[in-house]
Every structure is written in structure tokens, then in C-alpha cells.
Amino acid sequence: MRPTRSAVPLAAVAAAAALFVSGCGGGDDGDGKSGKIDGAEDAGKKSPSAESSSPGEKDVAGDFRTSDIELPDDVKLVFDWNQPSDPDKAAALDGAADYMRAMLHGSVKQNPKDPVLAKHVVPLQTAQEFAIAVIKSDVESGVTATGKERYYREHVGDVTDGRLIEVAFCVDQSEIFDRKIKSGKVLRTEENDSSYMRYTLVMQGPGKGDSLWRARTFEFEGKAVKQCKG
């Protein structure tokens, strides 16, 4: 697994906790947090897994299985999710998948200001802060990612305030590792409880003349073995 993903950025997330509360609580942004999110909620027909290394235009609007975000051949993101029938939920899940792709894209490019990432986040919110912290950590350590990262047991909440949807999912990092950029050495680690975690994003719907659902707030649960292992 990649230790930089679950360790270093936590300070940035903790520092931005107030933003998460304000973004998910009451007020103009609505109640983005939906109480219990543990486990999976199966809805609809199981969709095939997707790998982000396959570029191309979207097959269907709101389809998380395809993306135009290009990653190296040695980096594979597998989204073992169900495709929601509701178009807003599908678009929010698609946006969450592209947020994860964009974060890795920034690491590959070694650029915390990567325009691909900027396209998929709401500025000055915790989702952006977390992603930038991950990328900065990789830049400082001289590493990027290699291997396979799996996302599964998704939960897509209902629309609140007409444009906010919570998306929660498990992450399996047991087969993704840091790779030294200069030497190419892969820093392999053994699978352990820290390989499994759960992310919660609040996705913000598009404005006028736009179609993207962007990641607004971020919450991290490390060592999410009960919810995500097995």
C-alpha cells in the first residue's frame, strides 16, 4: 500500500475539519452527511469493473466506468461499483471516480496545481486540500504510484439542496505502492489493516453551462477493516 495516502495528508484533513462541518451541516449547503454509511447498498445490475488507464470520451453522461483522464499503464484504478439508475446519483458517482483519478494524475505529473485536479474539485474545500496534500507529499518524497487501487461498497446518498450528494466507498490499497521517480524502485509493503479505508465525499452539482459534479468535502476513515475487509 501507499503510506503517503493514509498518513501524511491526515494533518491537512484534520486542519480542515471545520470546513467539512460547514460544508455538510445545515445552512445553505444542506445536510450532506447522511448518518450511517457503513457497508454497501446494492442497487441495480452489477456493472463491470473499470480501469482509468483506458482513455476516451464518456460512453454515457454520468458513467463512472469511463474517463478521459489518462494515467500511466502501470496505474490501474478499479471501480467495483453499481451504476445508479437516478441520473443525478450516477453523475455524482462519476464525479467521485474522476476525483480519485485526478488526484493520482496530479501525483503522476508531480504537480499540486494540476489543472486536471482543479477541474474536479470545488476550490478552497477539504476535498481539494486533501488531494493537494497527497500530491505535495509525493513530490517531496520523490515518489509516484504504481499498481492497482480498488474502490467498492459504495453508498450514494440522496440529493440535498438540489445539488449536493454524499458518496461513500471503501478503498483497498493492498496492491498499490510508491515508486521512486529517479530510480524506478517500487517500495512494496505487506497488506495490513491500514490497507483498507473508507472515504466519504460530498459532491457538488454543476452550475449553469456546466455538467461536472465536483468533489467538495472529504472525510477519511483509516483501518476501516469492519466495513471494508472481507
Protein backbone atom coordinates (compact mmCIF):
# COMPACT_ATOMS: atom_id res chain seq x y z
CA MET A 1 0.00 0.00 0.00
CA ARG A 2 1.00 3.65 -0.26
CA PRO A 3 1.72 5.04 3.23
CA THR A 4 1.67 8.63 1.98
CA ARG A 5 -2.02 8.35 1.13
CA SER A 6 -3.22 7.44 4.59
CA ALA A 7 -0.68 9.12 6.85
CA VAL A 8 0.78 12.45 5.79
CA PRO A 9 -2.39 14.10 4.42
CA LEU A 10 -4.38 13.46 7.60
CA ALA A 11 -2.97 16.63 9.18
CA ALA A 12 -4.41 18.67 6.34
CA VAL A 13 -7.76 16.95 6.67
CA ALA A 14 -7.84 17.49 10.42
CA ALA A 15 -6.97 21.15 9.99
CA ALA A 16 -9.84 21.49 7.54
CA ALA A 17 -12.40 19.72 9.73
CA ALA A 18 -14.30 22.94 10.28
CA LEU A 19 -14.76 23.28 6.54
CA PHE A 20 -16.16 19.77 6.35
CA VAL A 21 -18.66 20.51 9.11
CA SER A 22 -19.78 23.74 7.50
CA GLY A 23 -19.97 22.12 4.09
CA CYS A 24 -22.00 19.13 5.26
CA GLY A 25 -24.06 20.60 8.06
CA GLY A 26 -27.03 22.93 7.91
CA GLY A 27 -27.22 26.28 6.22
CA ASP A 28 -27.06 26.95 2.51
CA ASP A 29 -25.13 23.79 1.65
CA GLY A 30 -27.64 21.43 3.24
CA ASP A 31 -27.16 18.25 5.20
CA GLY A 32 -24.55 16.47 3.12
CA LYS A 33 -23.76 13.97 5.84
CA SER A 34 -26.27 11.16 5.91
CA GLY A 35 -25.64 9.42 9.22
CA LYS A 36 -24.62 5.79 8.94
CA ILE A 37 -22.81 4.95 5.76
CA ASP A 38 -21.19 1.66 6.71
CA GLY A 39 -21.41 -1.24 4.31
CA ALA A 40 -22.73 -1.48 0.80
CA GLU A 41 -26.16 -0.81 -0.61
CA ASP A 42 -26.70 -2.81 -3.77
CA ALA A 43 -28.95 -1.17 -6.31
CA GLY A 44 -29.44 -2.18 -9.90
CA LYS A 45 -27.42 -4.52 -12.05
CA LYS A 46 -23.76 -5.07 -11.31
CA SER A 47 -21.56 -3.15 -13.71
CA PRO A 48 -18.17 -4.34 -14.98
CA SER A 49 -15.02 -3.09 -13.31
CA ALA A 50 -13.26 -0.19 -14.99
CA GLU A 51 -9.63 0.86 -15.25
CA SER A 52 -8.72 4.50 -15.56
CA SER A 53 -5.86 3.75 -17.93
CA SER A 54 -8.37 3.47 -20.78
CA PRO A 55 -8.81 6.98 -22.18
CA GLY A 56 -11.67 8.13 -24.35
CA GLU A 57 -14.88 10.03 -24.22
CA LYS A 58 -17.63 9.12 -21.82
CA ASP A 59 -19.98 6.43 -23.13
CA VAL A 60 -22.93 7.83 -21.20
CA ALA A 61 -23.26 11.00 -19.16
CA GLY A 62 -22.66 10.09 -15.52
CA ASP A 63 -20.96 6.77 -16.26
CA PHE A 64 -18.07 6.22 -13.82
CA ARG A 65 -16.70 3.33 -15.88
CA THR A 66 -15.03 5.51 -18.49
CA SER A 67 -12.99 8.70 -18.30
CA ASP A 68 -10.84 11.00 -20.38
CA ILE A 69 -8.30 11.31 -17.54
CA GLU A 70 -5.21 9.45 -18.71
CA LEU A 71 -2.95 7.58 -16.29
CA PRO A 72 0.19 5.51 -16.97
CA ASP A 73 -0.24 1.86 -17.93
CA ASP A 74 1.24 0.72 -14.60
CA VAL A 75 -1.53 2.51 -12.63
CA LYS A 76 -4.96 0.90 -12.60
CA LEU A 77 -8.00 2.14 -10.69
CA VAL A 78 -10.75 -0.45 -10.43
CA PHE A 79 -14.23 0.87 -9.63
CA ASP A 80 -16.21 -2.14 -8.47
CA TRP A 81 -19.43 -0.14 -8.20
CA ASN A 82 -23.04 -0.35 -9.32
CA GLN A 83 -24.33 2.19 -11.81
CA PRO A 84 -27.21 4.16 -10.22
CA SER A 85 -30.41 4.50 -12.23
CA ASP A 86 -31.01 8.02 -10.95
CA PRO A 87 -29.17 10.45 -13.29
CA ASP A 88 -28.03 12.81 -10.52
CA LYS A 89 -26.69 9.96 -8.40
CA ALA A 90 -24.97 8.48 -11.45
CA ALA A 91 -23.37 11.83 -12.25
CA ALA A 92 -22.23 12.30 -8.64
CA LEU A 93 -20.67 8.83 -8.56
CA ASP A 94 -18.99 9.57 -11.88
CA GLY A 95 -17.59 12.77 -10.40
CA ALA A 96 -16.26 10.89 -7.37
CA ALA A 97 -14.46 8.42 -9.64
CA ASP A 98 -12.89 11.25 -11.62
CA TYR A 99 -11.80 12.94 -8.38
CA MET A 100 -9.82 9.83 -7.46
CA ARG A 101 -8.36 9.66 -10.96
CA ALA A 102 -7.48 13.36 -10.91
CA MET A 103 -5.69 13.06 -7.57
CA LEU A 104 -3.47 10.31 -8.96
CA HIS A 105 -2.99 12.30 -12.15
CA GLY A 106 -1.57 15.16 -10.08
CA SER A 107 0.82 12.75 -8.37
CA VAL A 108 1.97 11.31 -11.70
CA LYS A 109 2.54 14.83 -13.04
CA GLN A 110 4.16 15.86 -9.72
CA ASN A 111 2.02 18.98 -9.76
CA PRO A 112 -0.16 20.06 -6.80
CA LYS A 113 -1.63 22.71 -9.12
CA ASP A 114 -2.50 20.17 -11.78
CA PRO A 115 -5.30 21.66 -13.93
CA VAL A 116 -6.90 18.21 -14.22
CA LEU A 117 -7.35 18.11 -10.45
CA ALA A 118 -8.54 21.72 -10.36
CA LYS A 119 -11.27 20.81 -12.82
CA HIS A 120 -12.73 18.19 -10.49
CA VAL A 121 -12.76 19.94 -7.11
CA VAL A 122 -14.62 22.83 -5.52
CA PRO A 123 -11.96 25.43 -4.64
CA LEU A 124 -10.96 26.03 -1.02
CA GLN A 125 -12.76 22.97 0.34
CA THR A 126 -11.47 19.85 2.08
CA ALA A 127 -11.52 17.61 -1.00
CA GLN A 128 -9.10 19.96 -2.70
CA GLU A 129 -6.97 20.32 0.44
CA PHE A 130 -6.64 16.57 0.85
CA ALA A 131 -5.71 15.97 -2.78
CA ILE A 132 -3.12 18.76 -2.78
CA ALA A 133 -1.63 17.41 0.47
CA VAL A 134 -1.29 13.93 -1.08
CA ILE A 135 0.37 15.30 -4.20
CA LYS A 136 2.72 17.58 -2.25
CA SER A 137 3.76 14.64 -0.08
CA ASP A 138 4.54 12.59 -3.18
CA VAL A 139 6.53 15.46 -4.69
CA GLU A 140 8.55 15.96 -1.51
CA SER A 141 9.24 12.21 -1.27
CA GLY A 142 10.09 11.89 -4.94
CA VAL A 143 7.52 9.15 -5.49
CA THR A 144 4.52 8.40 -7.61
CA ALA A 145 2.09 5.48 -7.64
CA THR A 146 2.24 2.09 -9.30
CA GLY A 147 -0.11 -0.88 -9.07
CA LYS A 148 -3.84 -1.30 -8.61
CA GLU A 149 -6.22 0.53 -6.29
CA ARG A 150 -9.76 -0.80 -5.84
CA TYR A 151 -12.92 1.11 -4.89
CA TYR A 152 -16.00 -0.82 -3.76
CA ARG A 153 -19.00 -0.99 -1.39
CA GLU A 154 -20.23 2.39 -2.50
CA HIS A 155 -23.14 4.29 -0.94
CA VAL A 156 -24.73 7.16 -2.83
CA GLY A 157 -27.00 9.39 -0.77
CA ASP A 158 -29.97 11.44 -1.83
CA VAL A 159 -29.78 14.91 -3.32
CA THR A 160 -29.88 17.70 -0.73
CA ASP A 161 -30.50 21.35 -1.54
CA GLY A 162 -30.84 20.29 -5.15
CA ARG A 163 -27.12 19.98 -5.76
CA LEU A 164 -25.26 18.08 -3.02
CA ILE A 165 -24.89 14.29 -2.85
CA GLU A 166 -22.83 12.24 -0.41
CA VAL A 167 -20.77 9.43 -1.92
CA ALA A 168 -19.01 6.99 0.42
CA PHE A 169 -16.90 3.99 -0.58
CA CYS A 170 -14.22 1.57 0.56
CA VAL A 171 -10.66 1.72 -0.75
CA ASP A 172 -8.32 -1.27 -0.99
CA GLN A 173 -4.69 -0.14 -1.29
CA SER A 174 -3.12 -3.55 -0.75
CA GLU A 175 -1.88 -3.68 -4.36
CA ILE A 176 -0.79 -0.09 -4.94
CA PHE A 177 2.66 1.13 -3.94
CA ASP A 178 5.01 4.09 -4.03
CA ARG A 179 7.56 4.10 -6.84
CA LYS A 180 10.70 6.22 -6.68
CA ILE A 181 10.72 8.51 -9.70
CA LYS A 182 14.50 8.71 -10.13
CA SER A 183 15.41 5.07 -9.59
CA GLY A 184 12.14 3.39 -10.50
CA LYS A 185 12.34 1.29 -7.32
CA VAL A 186 8.97 0.08 -6.07
CA LEU A 187 8.55 0.40 -2.30
CA ARG A 188 6.46 -2.67 -1.61
CA THR A 189 4.72 -3.19 1.72
CA GLU A 190 2.74 -6.07 3.14
CA GLU A 191 -1.04 -5.98 3.31
CA ASN A 192 -2.32 -4.94 6.74
CA ASP A 193 -5.32 -3.28 8.39
CA SER A 194 -4.17 0.11 7.09
CA SER A 195 -4.63 -1.17 3.54
CA TYR A 196 -8.39 -0.75 3.95
CA MET A 197 -10.04 2.61 4.41
CA ARG A 198 -13.30 4.39 3.75
CA TYR A 199 -13.70 7.75 2.06
CA THR A 200 -16.73 9.99 2.18
CA LEU A 201 -17.11 12.76 -0.38
CA VAL A 202 -19.80 15.36 -0.73
CA MET A 203 -20.21 16.01 -4.44
CA GLN A 204 -21.48 19.38 -5.62
CA GLY A 205 -23.66 19.56 -8.69
CA PRO A 206 -22.89 21.65 -11.76
CA GLY A 207 -23.71 25.29 -12.23
CA LYS A 208 -25.07 26.93 -15.34
CA GLY A 209 -23.40 25.87 -18.56
CA ASP A 210 -21.56 23.02 -16.83
CA SER A 211 -22.04 19.27 -16.47
CA LEU A 212 -19.47 18.16 -13.89
CA TRP A 213 -20.16 17.07 -10.34
CA ARG A 214 -17.12 18.17 -8.33
CA ALA A 215 -15.73 16.93 -5.02
CA ARG A 216 -16.48 19.45 -2.30
CA THR A 217 -15.75 17.91 1.10
CA PHE A 218 -13.74 14.90 2.16
CA GLU A 219 -13.73 12.63 5.19
CA PHE A 220 -11.28 9.80 5.82
CA GLU A 221 -11.60 6.70 7.99
CA GLY A 222 -8.40 4.69 8.29
CA LYS A 223 -8.17 1.00 9.14
CA ALA A 224 -11.80 0.51 8.12
CA VAL A 225 -11.50 -3.25 8.43
CA LYS A 226 -15.04 -3.95 9.67
CA GLN A 227 -16.66 -2.06 6.82
CA CYS A 228 -14.23 -2.87 4.04
CA LYS A 229 -12.35 -6.14 4.53
CA GLY A 230 -13.84 -9.44 3.51
